[in-house]
PDB file of N, CA and C in Angstrom:
ATOM      1  N   MET A   1     -24.807  22.113  -6.485  1.00  0.00           N
ATOM      2  CA  MET A   1     -23.957  21.374  -6.508  1.00  0.00           C
ATOM      3  C   MET A   1     -24.233  20.136  -6.026  1.00  0.00           C
ATOM      4  N   THR A   2     -24.287  18.793  -6.701  1.00  0.00           N
ATOM      5  CA  THR A   2     -24.396  17.400  -6.246  1.00  0.00           C
ATOM      6  C   THR A   2     -23.185  16.664  -5.988  1.00  0.00           C
ATOM      7  N   ILE A   3     -23.073  16.249  -4.732  1.00  0.00           N
ATOM      8  CA  ILE A   3     -21.956  15.318  -4.317  1.00  0.00           C
ATOM      9  C   ILE A   3     -22.231  14.235  -4.674  1.00  0.00           C
ATOM     10  N   LYS A   4     -21.593  12.907  -5.547  1.00  0.00           N
ATOM     11  CA  LYS A   4     -22.326  11.664  -5.653  1.00  0.00           C
ATOM     12  C   LYS A   4     -21.692  11.040  -4.714  1.00  0.00           C
ATOM     13  N   TYR A   5     -22.192  10.211  -4.119  1.00  0.00           N
ATOM     14  CA  TYR A   5     -21.771   9.106  -3.199  1.00  0.00           C
ATOM     15  C   TYR A   5     -21.674   8.095  -3.904  1.00  0.00           C
ATOM     16  N   ASN A   6     -20.024   7.677  -3.880  1.00  0.00           N
ATOM     17  CA  ASN A   6     -19.915   6.110  -4.116  1.00  0.00           C
ATOM     18  C   ASN A   6     -19.311   5.510  -3.077  1.00  0.00           C
ATOM     19  N   GLN A   7     -20.257   4.437  -3.006  1.00  0.00           N
ATOM     20  CA  GLN A   7     -20.469   3.405  -1.909  1.00  0.00           C
ATOM     21  C   GLN A   7     -19.131   2.658  -1.882  1.00  0.00           C
ATOM     22  N   GLN A   8     -18.827   2.023  -3.244  1.00  0.00           N
ATOM     23  CA  GLN A   8     -17.648   1.011  -3.402  1.00  0.00           C
ATOM     24  C   GLN A   8     -16.182   1.785  -2.518  1.00  0.00           C
ATOM     25  N   THR A   9     -16.191   3.265  -2.930  1.00  0.00           N
ATOM     26  CA  THR A   9     -15.280   3.820  -2.845  1.00  0.00           C
ATOM     27  C   THR A   9     -15.032   3.751  -1.346  1.00  0.00           C
ATOM     28  N   ARG A  10     -15.980   4.403  -0.616  1.00  0.00           N
ATOM     29  CA  ARG A  10     -16.118   4.493   0.786  1.00  0.00           C
ATOM     30  C   ARG A  10     -15.872   2.995   1.761  1.00  0.00           C
ATOM     31  N   ILE A  11     -16.186   2.266   0.999  1.00  0.00           N
ATOM     32  CA  ILE A  11     -16.369   0.661   1.646  1.00  0.00           C
ATOM     33  C   ILE A  11     -14.506   0.221   1.690  1.00  0.00           C
ATOM     34  N   LYS A  12     -14.131   0.766   0.407  1.00  0.00           N
ATOM     35  CA  LYS A  12     -12.769  -0.109   0.446  1.00  0.00           C
ATOM     36  C   LYS A  12     -11.927   1.242   0.920  1.00  0.00           C
ATOM     37  N   GLY A  13     -12.388   2.610   0.920  1.00  0.00           N
ATOM     38  CA  GLY A  13     -11.493   3.212   2.434  1.00  0.00           C
ATOM     39  C   GLY A  13     -11.690   2.761   3.665  1.00  0.00           C
ATOM     40  N   ALA A  14     -12.666   2.107   3.977  1.00  0.00           N
ATOM     41  CA  ALA A  14     -13.111   1.755   5.517  1.00  0.00           C
ATOM     42  C   ALA A  14     -11.845   0.693   5.260  1.00  0.00           C
ATOM     43  N   LEU A  15     -11.828  -0.440   4.695  1.00  0.00           N
ATOM     44  CA  LEU A  15     -11.286  -1.409   4.452  1.00  0.00           C
ATOM     45  C   LEU A  15      -9.851  -1.206   4.705  1.00  0.00           C
ATOM     46  N   ARG A  16      -9.170  -0.158   3.901  1.00  0.00           N
ATOM     47  CA  ARG A  16      -8.117   0.252   4.093  1.00  0.00           C
ATOM     48  C   ARG A  16      -7.513   0.139   5.749  1.00  0.00           C
ATOM     49  N   GLN A  17      -8.421   1.418   6.208  1.00  0.00           N
ATOM     50  CA  GLN A  17      -8.595   1.832   7.235  1.00  0.00           C
ATOM     51  C   GLN A  17      -8.270   0.651   8.051  1.00  0.00           C
ATOM     52  N   VAL A  18      -8.864   0.045   8.202  1.00  0.00           N
ATOM     53  CA  VAL A  18      -8.867  -1.371   9.419  1.00  0.00           C
ATOM     54  C   VAL A  18      -7.499  -2.476   8.910  1.00  0.00           C
ATOM     55  N   ALA A  19      -6.869  -2.719   7.626  1.00  0.00           N
ATOM     56  CA  ALA A  19      -5.980  -3.266   7.533  1.00  0.00           C
ATOM     57  C   ALA A  19      -4.841  -2.563   7.622  1.00  0.00           C
ATOM     58  N   LYS A  20      -4.583  -0.973   7.956  1.00  0.00           N
ATOM     59  CA  LYS A  20      -3.356  -0.858   8.509  1.00  0.00           C
ATOM     60  C   LYS A  20      -2.738  -1.423   9.707  1.00  0.00           C
ATOM     61  N   TYR A  21      -3.606  -1.668  10.600  1.00  0.00           N
ATOM     62  CA  TYR A  21      -3.419  -2.099  11.859  1.00  0.00           C
ATOM     63  C   TYR A  21      -4.108  -3.674  11.795  1.00  0.00           C
ATOM     64  N   SER A  22      -3.449  -4.506  10.676  1.00  0.00           N
ATOM     65  CA  SER A  22      -3.770  -5.907  10.887  1.00  0.00           C
ATOM     66  C   SER A  22      -2.090  -6.357  11.521  1.00  0.00           C
ATOM     67  N   PRO A  23      -2.210  -7.707  11.717  1.00  0.00           N
ATOM     68  CA  PRO A  23      -0.638  -8.533  12.466  1.00  0.00           C
ATOM     69  C   PRO A  23       0.347  -8.963  11.055  1.00  0.00           C
ATOM     70  N   GLU A  24      -0.264  -8.608   9.779  1.00  0.00           N
ATOM     71  CA  GLU A  24       0.426  -8.688   8.714  1.00  0.00           C
ATOM     72  C   GLU A  24       1.208  -7.584   8.644  1.00  0.00           C
ATOM     73  N   VAL A  25       0.374  -6.249   8.554  1.00  0.00           N
ATOM     74  CA  VAL A  25       1.287  -4.897   8.319  1.00  0.00           C
ATOM     75  C   VAL A  25       2.723  -5.052   9.585  1.00  0.00           C
ATOM     76  N   LYS A  26       1.962  -5.103  10.591  1.00  0.00           N
ATOM     77  CA  LYS A  26       2.920  -4.970  11.719  1.00  0.00           C
ATOM     78  C   LYS A  26       4.559  -6.051  11.823  1.00  0.00           C
ATOM     79  N   GLN A  27       4.053  -7.026  10.733  1.00  0.00           N
ATOM     80  CA  GLN A  27       5.132  -8.238  10.412  1.00  0.00           C
ATOM     81  C   GLN A  27       5.775  -7.373   9.784  1.00  0.00           C
ATOM     82  N   ALA A  28       5.227  -7.270   8.605  1.00  0.00           N
ATOM     83  CA  ALA A  28       6.006  -6.414   7.465  1.00  0.00           C
ATOM     84  C   ALA A  28       7.281  -5.088   8.184  1.00  0.00           C
ATOM     85  N   LEU A  29       6.447  -4.671   8.815  1.00  0.00           N
ATOM     86  CA  LEU A  29       7.154  -3.490   9.636  1.00  0.00           C
ATOM     87  C   LEU A  29       8.627  -3.999  10.153  1.00  0.00           C
ATOM     88  N   LYS A  30       7.946  -5.239  11.254  1.00  0.00           N
ATOM     89  CA  LYS A  30       8.975  -5.975  11.851  1.00  0.00           C
ATOM     90  C   LYS A  30      10.004  -6.347  10.934  1.00  0.00           C
ATOM     91  N   LEU A  31      10.044  -6.922  10.172  1.00  0.00           N
ATOM     92  CA  LEU A  31      11.315  -7.492   8.729  1.00  0.00           C
ATOM     93  C   LEU A  31      11.595  -6.300   8.394  1.00  0.00           C
ATOM     94  N   ALA A  32      11.398  -5.064   8.177  1.00  0.00           N
ATOM     95  CA  ALA A  32      11.934  -4.132   7.813  1.00  0.00           C
ATOM     96  C   ALA A  32      12.510  -2.857   8.906  1.00  0.00           C
ATOM     97  N   THR A  33      12.433  -3.764  10.156  1.00  0.00           N
ATOM     98  CA  THR A  33      13.303  -2.970  11.002  1.00  0.00           C
ATOM     99  C   THR A  33      14.593  -2.803  10.844  1.00  0.00           C
ATOM    100  N   HIS A  34      15.147  -2.046  10.771  1.00  0.00           N
ATOM    101  CA  HIS A  34      17.101  -2.008  10.743  1.00  0.00           C
ATOM    102  C   HIS A  34      17.413  -2.367  12.557  1.00  0.00           C
ATOM    103  N   PRO A  35      18.392  -3.359  12.219  1.00  0.00           N
ATOM    104  CA  PRO A  35      18.713  -4.106  13.300  1.00  0.00           C
ATOM    105  C   PRO A  35      19.557  -3.527  14.556  1.00  0.00           C
ATOM    106  N   THR A  36      20.314  -2.023  13.813  1.00  0.00           N
ATOM    107  CA  THR A  36      21.448  -1.671  14.941  1.00  0.00           C
ATOM    108  C   THR A  36      20.576   0.113  15.067  1.00  0.00           C
ATOM    109  N   ILE A  37      20.575   0.705  13.921  1.00  0.00           N
ATOM    110  CA  ILE A  37      19.926   1.900  14.311  1.00  0.00           C
ATOM    111  C   ILE A  37      18.728   1.941  14.450  1.00  0.00           C
ATOM    112  N   LYS A  38      18.904   3.079  15.603  1.00  0.00           N
ATOM    113  CA  LYS A  38      17.718   3.589  16.595  1.00  0.00           C
ATOM    114  C   LYS A  38      17.795   4.900  16.345  1.00  0.00           C
ATOM    115  N   GLY A  39      16.299   5.284  16.425  1.00  0.00           N
ATOM    116  CA  GLY A  39      16.088   6.496  16.467  1.00  0.00           C
ATOM    117  C   GLY A  39      16.770   7.212  18.150  1.00  0.00           C
ATOM    118  N   PRO A  40      16.546   8.656  17.844  1.00  0.00           N
ATOM    119  CA  PRO A  40      16.899   9.183  19.252  1.00  0.00           C
ATOM    120  C   PRO A  40      16.496   9.017  20.425  1.00  0.00           C
ATOM    121  N   LYS A  41      15.018   8.735  20.379  1.00  0.00           N
ATOM    122  CA  LYS A  41      14.168   7.794  21.796  1.00  0.00           C
ATOM    123  C   LYS A  41      14.402   6.907  21.630  1.00  0.00           C
ATOM    124  N   GLY A  42      15.243   5.825  20.919  1.00  0.00           N
ATOM    125  CA  GLY A  42      15.482   4.599  21.111  1.00  0.00           C
ATOM    126  C   GLY A  42      14.486   3.908  20.394  1.00  0.00           C
ATOM    127  N   GLY A  43      13.635   4.432  19.372  1.00  0.00           N
ATOM    128  CA  GLY A  43      12.768   3.992  18.415  1.00  0.00           C
ATOM    129  C   GLY A  43      13.010   3.199  17.386  1.00  0.00           C
ATOM    130  N   ALA A  44      12.355   2.220  16.682  1.00  0.00           N
ATOM    131  CA  ALA A  44      12.949   1.478  15.696  1.00  0.00           C
ATOM    132  C   ALA A  44      12.911   2.868  14.424  1.00  0.00           C
ATOM    133  N   ARG A  45      13.931   1.740  13.077  1.00  0.00           N
ATOM    134  CA  ARG A  45      13.774   2.934  12.078  1.00  0.00           C
ATOM    135  C   ARG A  45      13.834   1.678  11.290  1.00  0.00           C
ATOM    136  N   PHE A  46      13.376   1.936   9.859  1.00  0.00           N
ATOM    137  CA  PHE A  46      13.030   1.091   8.534  1.00  0.00           C
ATOM    138  C   PHE A  46      13.822   1.344   7.531  1.00  0.00           C
ATOM    139  N   ILE A  47      13.926   0.260   7.131  1.00  0.00           N
ATOM    140  CA  ILE A  47      14.898   0.077   5.729  1.00  0.00           C
ATOM    141  C   ILE A  47      13.433   0.096   4.509  1.00  0.00           C
ATOM    142  N   CYS A  48      13.811   1.281   3.610  1.00  0.00           N
ATOM    143  CA  CYS A  48      13.296   1.015   2.351  1.00  0.00           C
ATOM    144  C   CYS A  48      13.681   0.019   1.575  1.00  0.00           C
ATOM    145  N   ALA A  49      12.424  -0.702   0.371  1.00  0.00           N
ATOM    146  CA  ALA A  49      12.529  -1.819   0.251  1.00  0.00           C
ATOM    147  C   ALA A  49      13.339  -1.379  -1.084  1.00  0.00           C
ATOM    148  N   LYS A  50      13.029  -0.104  -1.710  1.00  0.00           N
ATOM    149  CA  LYS A  50      13.305   0.366  -2.853  1.00  0.00           C
ATOM    150  C   LYS A  50      14.640   1.006  -2.682  1.00  0.00           C
ATOM    151  N   CYS A  51      14.832   1.781  -2.112  1.00  0.00           N
ATOM    152  CA  CYS A  51      16.383   2.567  -2.234  1.00  0.00           C
ATOM    153  C   CYS A  51      17.042   2.358  -1.131  1.00  0.00           C
ATOM    154  N   GLY A  52      16.855   1.818   0.068  1.00  0.00           N
ATOM    155  CA  GLY A  52      17.504   0.908   0.742  1.00  0.00           C
ATOM    156  C   GLY A  52      18.207   1.964   1.812  1.00  0.00           C
ATOM    157  N   GLU A  53      17.767   3.184   1.868  1.00  0.00           N
ATOM    158  CA  GLU A  53      18.042   4.236   2.882  1.00  0.00           C
ATOM    159  C   GLU A  53      16.657   3.639   4.395  1.00  0.00           C
ATOM    160  N   VAL A  54      17.407   4.384   5.410  1.00  0.00           N
ATOM    161  CA  VAL A  54      16.873   4.036   6.760  1.00  0.00           C
ATOM    162  C   VAL A  54      15.832   5.354   7.343  1.00  0.00           C
ATOM    163  N   PHE A  55      14.522   5.081   7.760  1.00  0.00           N
ATOM    164  CA  PHE A  55      13.602   6.027   7.700  1.00  0.00           C
ATOM    165  C   PHE A  55      13.082   5.617   9.358  1.00  0.00           C
ATOM    166  N   GLU A  56      12.300   6.976   9.914  1.00  0.00           N
ATOM    167  CA  GLU A  56      11.669   6.673  10.778  1.00  0.00           C
ATOM    168  C   GLU A  56      10.347   6.462  10.347  1.00  0.00           C
ATOM    169  N   LYS A  57       9.262   6.091  11.300  1.00  0.00           N
ATOM    170  CA  LYS A  57       8.128   5.338  10.914  1.00  0.00           C
ATOM    171  C   LYS A  57       7.307   6.375  10.464  1.00  0.00           C
ATOM    172  N   LYS A  58       7.333   7.135  10.627  1.00  0.00           N
ATOM    173  CA  LYS A  58       6.331   8.336  10.315  1.00  0.00           C
ATOM    174  C   LYS A  58       6.671   8.973   8.630  1.00  0.00           C
ATOM    175  N   ASP A  59       7.943   7.974   8.039  1.00  0.00           N
ATOM    176  CA  ASP A  59       8.284   8.206   6.936  1.00  0.00           C
ATOM    177  C   ASP A  59       8.218   7.025   5.750  1.00  0.00           C
ATOM    178  N   VAL A  60       7.547   6.014   6.161  1.00  0.00           N
ATOM    179  CA  VAL A  60       7.435   5.136   5.816  1.00  0.00           C
ATOM    180  C   VAL A  60       5.775   4.500   5.422  1.00  0.00           C
ATOM    181  N   GLN A  61       6.022   3.921   4.416  1.00  0.00           N
ATOM    182  CA  GLN A  61       4.249   3.280   4.050  1.00  0.00           C
ATOM    183  C   GLN A  61       4.179   2.027   4.104  1.00  0.00           C
ATOM    184  N   VAL A  62       3.403   1.193   4.075  1.00  0.00           N
ATOM    185  CA  VAL A  62       3.631  -0.177   4.112  1.00  0.00           C
ATOM    186  C   VAL A  62       2.713  -0.252   2.660  1.00  0.00           C
ATOM    187  N   ASP A  63       3.194  -1.077   1.432  1.00  0.00           N
ATOM    188  CA  ASP A  63       2.836  -1.182   0.286  1.00  0.00           C
ATOM    189  C   ASP A  63       2.850  -2.299  -0.259  1.00  0.00           C
ATOM    190  N   HIS A  64       1.436  -2.667  -0.502  1.00  0.00           N
ATOM    191  CA  HIS A  64       1.333  -3.812  -1.355  1.00  0.00           C
ATOM    192  C   HIS A  64       2.144  -3.932  -2.632  1.00  0.00           C
ATOM    193  N   ILE A  65       3.055  -5.228  -2.763  1.00  0.00           N
ATOM    194  CA  ILE A  65       3.984  -5.241  -3.850  1.00  0.00           C
ATOM    195  C   ILE A  65       2.980  -5.704  -5.287  1.00  0.00           C
ATOM    196  N   ASN A  66       1.998  -6.155  -5.071  1.00  0.00           N
ATOM    197  CA  ASN A  66       1.148  -6.282  -6.205  1.00  0.00           C
ATOM    198  C   ASN A  66      -0.231  -5.361  -5.638  1.00  0.00           C
ATOM    199  N   PRO A  67      -0.668  -4.434  -6.704  1.00  0.00           N
ATOM    200  CA  PRO A  67      -1.627  -3.489  -6.194  1.00  0.00           C
ATOM    201  C   PRO A  67      -2.932  -4.434  -6.050  1.00  0.00           C
ATOM    202  N   ILE A  68      -3.388  -4.071  -4.770  1.00  0.00           N
ATOM    203  CA  ILE A  68      -4.545  -4.276  -4.741  1.00  0.00           C
ATOM    204  C   ILE A  68      -5.651  -4.693  -5.826  1.00  0.00           C
ATOM    205  N   ILE A  69      -5.854  -3.282  -6.395  1.00  0.00           N
ATOM    206  CA  ILE A  69      -6.773  -3.642  -7.777  1.00  0.00           C
ATOM    207  C   ILE A  69      -5.623  -3.611  -8.793  1.00  0.00           C
ATOM    208  N   PRO A  70      -5.174  -4.464  -9.602  1.00  0.00           N
ATOM    209  CA  PRO A  70      -4.193  -4.899 -10.669  1.00  0.00           C
ATOM    210  C   PRO A  70      -4.731  -3.286 -11.378  1.00  0.00           C
ATOM    211  N   VAL A  71      -3.608  -3.386 -12.175  1.00  0.00           N
ATOM    212  CA  VAL A  71      -3.453  -2.202 -12.926  1.00  0.00           C
ATOM    213  C   VAL A  71      -4.259  -2.434 -14.419  1.00  0.00           C
ATOM    214  N   ASN A  72      -4.552  -3.450 -14.840  1.00  0.00           N
ATOM    215  CA  ASN A  72      -5.217  -3.900 -15.739  1.00  0.00           C
ATOM    216  C   ASN A  72      -6.786  -4.358 -15.387  1.00  0.00           C
ATOM    217  N   LYS A  73      -7.122  -3.759 -14.190  1.00  0.00           N
ATOM    218  CA  LYS A  73      -8.691  -4.281 -13.589  1.00  0.00           C
ATOM    219  C   LYS A  73      -9.445  -2.995 -13.293  1.00  0.00           C
ATOM    220  N   ARG A  74     -10.659  -2.966 -13.107  1.00  0.00           N
ATOM    221  CA  ARG A  74     -11.218  -1.569 -12.668  1.00  0.00           C
ATOM    222  C   ARG A  74     -11.675  -2.384 -11.017  1.00  0.00           C
ATOM    223  N   THR A  75     -12.369  -1.734 -10.182  1.00  0.00           N
ATOM    224  CA  THR A  75     -12.883  -2.351  -8.824  1.00  0.00           C
ATOM    225  C   THR A  75     -14.156  -2.977  -9.149  1.00  0.00           C
ATOM    226  N   SER A  76     -14.848  -2.551 -10.044  1.00  0.00           N
ATOM    227  CA  SER A  76     -16.328  -3.337 -10.592  1.00  0.00           C
ATOM    228  C   SER A  76     -15.443  -4.803 -10.931  1.00  0.00           C
ATOM    229  N   ASP A  77     -14.474  -4.715 -11.636  1.00  0.00           N
ATOM    230  CA  ASP A  77     -14.170  -6.146 -12.314  1.00  0.00           C
ATOM    231  C   ASP A  77     -14.028  -7.390 -11.143  1.00  0.00           C
ATOM    232  N   LEU A  78     -13.510  -6.937  -9.979  1.00  0.00           N
ATOM    233  CA  LEU A  78     -13.317  -7.771  -8.937  1.00  0.00           C
ATOM    234  C   LEU A  78     -14.669  -8.138  -7.648  1.00  0.00           C
ATOM    235  N   ASP A  79     -14.794  -9.109  -7.211  1.00  0.00           N
ATOM    236  CA  ASP A  79     -15.827  -9.086  -6.197  1.00  0.00           C
ATOM    237  C   ASP A  79     -15.174  -8.875  -4.809  1.00  0.00           C
ATOM    238  N   TRP A  80     -16.074  -8.271  -3.857  1.00  0.00           N
ATOM    239  CA  TRP A  80     -15.345  -8.225  -2.620  1.00  0.00           C
ATOM    240  C   TRP A  80     -14.410  -8.729  -1.880  1.00  0.00           C
ATOM    241  N   ASN A  81     -14.564 -10.116  -2.115  1.00  0.00           N
ATOM    242  CA  ASN A  81     -13.857 -11.354  -1.651  1.00  0.00           C
ATOM    243  C   ASN A  81     -12.635 -11.454  -1.988  1.00  0.00           C
ATOM    244  N   THR A  82     -12.760 -11.062  -3.262  1.00  0.00           N
ATOM    245  CA  THR A  82     -11.235 -10.883  -3.736  1.00  0.00           C
ATOM    246  C   THR A  82     -10.234  -9.646  -3.300  1.00  0.00           C
ATOM    247  N   ILE A  83     -11.031  -8.599  -3.175  1.00  0.00           N
ATOM    248  CA  ILE A  83     -10.573  -7.242  -2.740  1.00  0.00           C
ATOM    249  C   ILE A  83     -10.240  -7.084  -1.514  1.00  0.00           C
ATOM    250  N   ILE A  84     -10.743  -8.318  -0.796  1.00  0.00           N
ATOM    251  CA  ILE A  84     -10.627  -8.179   0.458  1.00  0.00           C
ATOM    252  C   ILE A  84      -9.391  -9.022   1.030  1.00  0.00           C
ATOM    253  N   ALA A  85      -9.330 -10.142  -0.026  1.00  0.00           N
ATOM    254  CA  ALA A  85      -8.580 -11.415   0.100  1.00  0.00           C
ATOM    255  C   ALA A  85      -6.704 -10.762  -0.101  1.00  0.00           C
ATOM    256  N   ARG A  86      -6.795  -9.731  -1.056  1.00  0.00           N
ATOM    257  CA  ARG A  86      -5.793  -8.895  -1.952  1.00  0.00           C
ATOM    258  C   ARG A  86      -5.282  -7.955  -0.880  1.00  0.00           C
ATOM    259  N   MET A  87      -6.356  -7.577  -0.020  1.00  0.00           N
ATOM    260  CA  MET A  87      -5.832  -6.613   0.706  1.00  0.00           C
ATOM    261  C   MET A  87      -5.482  -6.786   2.232  1.00  0.00           C
ATOM    262  N   PHE A  88      -5.780  -7.915   3.049  1.00  0.00           N
ATOM    263  CA  PHE A  88      -5.628  -8.614   3.945  1.00  0.00           C
ATOM    264  C   PHE A  88      -4.187  -9.617   3.795  1.00  0.00           C
ATOM    265  N   CYS A  89      -3.490  -9.484   2.871  1.00  0.00           N
ATOM    266  CA  CYS A  89      -2.644 -10.787   2.285  1.00  0.00           C
ATOM    267  C   CYS A  89      -1.291 -10.734   3.392  1.00  0.00           C
ATOM    268  N   SER A  90      -0.778 -11.668   3.271  1.00  0.00           N
ATOM    269  CA  SER A  90       0.278 -12.197   4.085  1.00  0.00           C
ATOM    270  C   SER A  90       1.596 -10.943   4.095  1.00  0.00           C
ATOM    271  N   ALA A  91       2.563 -10.915   5.097  1.00  0.00           N
ATOM    272  CA  ALA A  91       3.766  -9.936   5.224  1.00  0.00           C
ATOM    273  C   ALA A  91       4.566 -10.261   3.926  1.00  0.00           C
ATOM    274  N   GLU A  92       4.398 -11.129   3.586  1.00  0.00           N
ATOM    275  CA  GLU A  92       5.587 -11.870   2.527  1.00  0.00           C
ATOM    276  C   GLU A  92       5.220 -10.929   0.840  1.00  0.00           C
ATOM    277  N   LYS A  93       4.249 -10.738   1.147  1.00  0.00           N
ATOM    278  CA  LYS A  93       3.306  -9.635  -0.157  1.00  0.00           C
ATOM    279  C   LYS A  93       3.226  -8.186  -0.154  1.00  0.00           C
ATOM    280  N   LEU A  94       3.605  -7.656   1.033  1.00  0.00           N
ATOM    281  CA  LEU A  94       3.890  -6.120   1.687  1.00  0.00           C
ATOM    282  C   LEU A  94       5.289  -6.081   1.345  1.00  0.00           C
ATOM    283  N   GLN A  95       6.037  -4.818   1.115  1.00  0.00           N
ATOM    284  CA  GLN A  95       7.012  -4.023   1.462  1.00  0.00           C
ATOM    285  C   GLN A  95       6.684  -2.496   2.260  1.00  0.00           C
ATOM    286  N   VAL A  96       7.727  -2.139   2.876  1.00  0.00           N
ATOM    287  CA  VAL A  96       8.172  -1.236   3.549  1.00  0.00           C
ATOM    288  C   VAL A  96       8.819   0.054   2.543  1.00  0.00           C
ATOM    289  N   LEU A  97       7.909   1.033   2.142  1.00  0.00           N
ATOM    290  CA  LEU A  97       8.437   2.157   1.463  1.00  0.00           C
ATOM    291  C   LEU A  97       8.861   3.621   1.875  1.00  0.00           C
ATOM    292  N   CYS A  98      10.085   3.990   1.766  1.00  0.00           N
ATOM    293  CA  CYS A  98       9.791   5.605   2.110  1.00  0.00           C
ATOM    294  C   CYS A  98       8.520   6.464   1.482  1.00  0.00           C
ATOM    295  N   LYS A  99       8.329   7.545   1.903  1.00  0.00           N
ATOM    296  CA  LYS A  99       7.131   8.387   1.153  1.00  0.00           C
ATOM    297  C   LYS A  99       7.731   8.416  -0.281  1.00  0.00           C
ATOM    298  N   PRO A 100       8.913   9.007  -0.433  1.00  0.00           N
ATOM    299  CA  PRO A 100       9.179   9.391  -2.079  1.00  0.00           C
ATOM    300  C   PRO A 100       8.939   8.461  -3.027  1.00  0.00           C
ATOM    301  N   CYS A 101       9.752   6.914  -2.422  1.00  0.00           N
ATOM    302  CA  CYS A 101       9.898   5.608  -3.373  1.00  0.00           C
ATOM    303  C   CYS A 101       8.002   5.804  -3.521  1.00  0.00           C
ATOM    304  N   HIS A 102       7.183   5.455  -2.378  1.00  0.00           N
ATOM    305  CA  HIS A 102       5.931   4.902  -2.301  1.00  0.00           C
ATOM    306  C   HIS A 102       5.129   5.745  -3.406  1.00  0.00           C
ATOM    307  N   LEU A 103       5.385   7.394  -3.611  1.00  0.00           N
ATOM    308  CA  LEU A 103       4.900   8.538  -4.441  1.00  0.00           C
ATOM    309  C   LEU A 103       5.321   7.992  -5.925  1.00  0.00           C
ATOM    310  N   ILE A 104       6.491   7.683  -5.852  1.00  0.00           N
ATOM    311  CA  ILE A 104       6.937   7.288  -7.315  1.00  0.00           C
ATOM    312  C   ILE A 104       6.209   5.709  -8.148  1.00  0.00           C
ATOM    313  N   LYS A 105       6.142   4.532  -7.152  1.00  0.00           N
ATOM    314  CA  LYS A 105       5.452   3.506  -7.380  1.00  0.00           C
ATOM    315  C   LYS A 105       4.237   3.491  -7.740  1.00  0.00           C
ATOM    316  N   SER A 106       3.427   4.560  -6.804  1.00  0.00           N
ATOM    317  CA  SER A 106       2.238   4.733  -6.779  1.00  0.00           C
ATOM    318  C   SER A 106       1.712   5.347  -8.118  1.00  0.00           C
ATOM    319  N   ASN A 107       2.507   6.364  -8.649  1.00  0.00           N
ATOM    320  CA  ASN A 107       2.683   7.284  -9.955  1.00  0.00           C
ATOM    321  C   ASN A 107       2.678   6.473 -11.234  1.00  0.00           C
ATOM    322  N   GLU A 108       3.680   5.532 -10.986  1.00  0.00           N
ATOM    323  CA  GLU A 108       3.601   4.730 -12.030  1.00  0.00           C
ATOM    324  C   GLU A 108       2.395   3.694 -12.344  1.00  0.00           C
ATOM    325  N   GLU A 109       2.153   3.381 -11.265  1.00  0.00           N
ATOM    326  CA  GLU A 109       0.811   2.524 -11.145  1.00  0.00           C
ATOM    327  C   GLU A 109      -0.744   3.449 -11.675  1.00  0.00           C
ATOM    328  N   ARG A 110      -0.545   4.546 -11.534  1.00  0.00           N
ATOM    329  CA  ARG A 110      -1.472   5.167 -11.648  1.00  0.00           C
ATOM    330  C   ARG A 110      -1.448   5.300 -13.668  1.00  0.00           C
ATOM    331  N   LYS A 111      -0.153   5.669 -13.933  1.00  0.00           N
ATOM    332  CA  LYS A 111       0.057   5.699 -15.196  1.00  0.00           C
ATOM    333  C   LYS A 111      -0.753   4.446 -15.937  1.00  0.00           C
ATOM    334  N   GLU A 112      -0.302   3.315 -15.634  1.00  0.00           N
ATOM    335  CA  GLU A 112      -0.337   2.360 -16.266  1.00  0.00           C
ATOM    336  C   GLU A 112      -2.134   2.067 -16.136  1.00  0.00           C
ATOM    337  N   ARG A 113      -2.540   2.170 -15.014  1.00  0.00           N
ATOM    338  CA  ARG A 113      -3.945   2.229 -15.203  1.00  0.00           C
ATOM    339  C   ARG A 113      -4.843   3.018 -16.248  1.00  0.00           C
ATOM    340  N   LYS A 114      -4.362   3.998 -16.391  1.00  0.00           N
ATOM    341  CA  LYS A 114      -4.771   5.349 -16.930  1.00  0.00           C
ATOM    342  C   LYS A 114      -4.276   5.149 -18.644  1.00  0.00           C
ATOM    343  N   LYS A 115      -3.312   4.441 -18.893  1.00  0.00           N
ATOM    344  CA  LYS A 115      -3.002   3.659 -20.385  1.00  0.00           C
ATOM    345  C   LYS A 115      -4.308   2.411 -20.727  1.00  0.00           C
ATOM    346  N   TYR A 116      -4.197   1.784 -19.598  1.00  0.00           N
ATOM    347  CA  TYR A 116      -4.852   0.604 -19.785  1.00  0.00           C
ATOM    348  C   TYR A 116      -6.723   1.351 -20.125  1.00  0.00           C
ATOM    349  N   ARG A 117      -6.959   1.669 -19.157  1.00  0.00           N
ATOM    350  CA  ARG A 117      -8.269   2.407 -19.620  1.00  0.00           C
ATOM    351  C   ARG A 117      -8.655   3.375 -20.978  1.00  0.00           C
ATOM    352  N   GLU A 118      -7.641   3.842 -21.353  1.00  0.00           N
ATOM    353  CA  GLU A 118      -7.700   4.446 -22.746  1.00  0.00           C
ATOM    354  C   GLU A 118      -7.782   3.284 -24.106  1.00  0.00           C
ATOM    355  N   ASP A 119      -6.990   2.074 -23.400  1.00  0.00           N
ATOM    356  CA  ASP A 119      -6.434   1.626 -24.720  1.00  0.00           C
ATOM    357  C   ASP A 119      -8.082   0.624 -24.712  1.00  0.00           C
ATOM    358  N   ILE A 120      -8.987   0.548 -23.660  1.00  0.00           N
ATOM    359  CA  ILE A 120      -9.982  -0.168 -23.896  1.00  0.00           C
ATOM    360  C   ILE A 120     -11.284   0.439 -24.571  1.00  0.00           C
ATOM    361  N   LYS A 121     -11.075   1.732 -24.310  1.00  0.00           N
ATOM    362  CA  LYS A 121     -12.310   2.585 -24.646  1.00  0.00           C
ATOM    363  C   LYS A 121     -12.227   2.453 -26.009  1.00  0.00           C
TER     364      LYS A 121
END
């Protein structure tokens, strides 16, 4: 069995790893920090932008409000400068979601993307 090496997927994954530590992501987390509720050790708690519940950092994800790759496009439709600009966007274009809300949003985007790809065949 041969495993196909997809260079674009690897590069996009590496960029995502770097983006996780960007100042914009830190700012988005800061903006979503609950002003009064703290964890048992005094750590910050974060408000989900979708459901409004309060969560620990391990239970939230910073999400791009608009997907990096729009649902009506393929990675190959965009140049790398556009992908990088969309990935490293301002904090206002990011939101903090709890993991269940992020999963729902991601699944909805996947369904839309799949439908789009079926429609263009």
